[in-house]
């Protein structure tokens, strides 16, 4: 003899929602949108993920199209060479730096540096650019060719000194005067 179990409407709707949506409710990162950029502190490594991020903002000039991205704000603590890196990430990353005090970027506007493959790490990005103490730069972290994944982000400002792992890659005095 077949018996049927009572099914409440709430259970039925929940089952249908899980079935339709794959059973996963995944939150987007808090810094998924440019307007919600997270603060990045010099010298502090930040673990991040773009796996559940959306595309927000223009595709960077050095990338091959759009990819899920997240956003950070970094305030330089020196005048001179700045370095922002995703070395050690588990996917092919792209890091784009936008000029200070310009707000969320429009297509191709206010981009001052873009890097998709750093000299010291294959899939990670290493962006070098001139920084000025007290200026806050907008940092977009995405992927090459639509890729997304998990990674670590770090920002350093060395004022053309030695960070212990980096040396100046250009003449900072000449760069600051001409930028």
Foldseek 3Di string as FASTA:
>chain_A
DDDDDDDDPVNVVVVVVCVVVVNDDDDADQQLELVRAAEAEAPDKDKDWQPRHDWYAADDPPADGTARKGKHKYADAAWFKKKKKFAPWPAFKKKWKFFFPPGGDHYPPRTDWIFRQDPVHGRMTITIDTHHGGTMIMMMMGHHPHDIGITMMHMHDDRQDDPPPDGDPDDGVVRVVVD
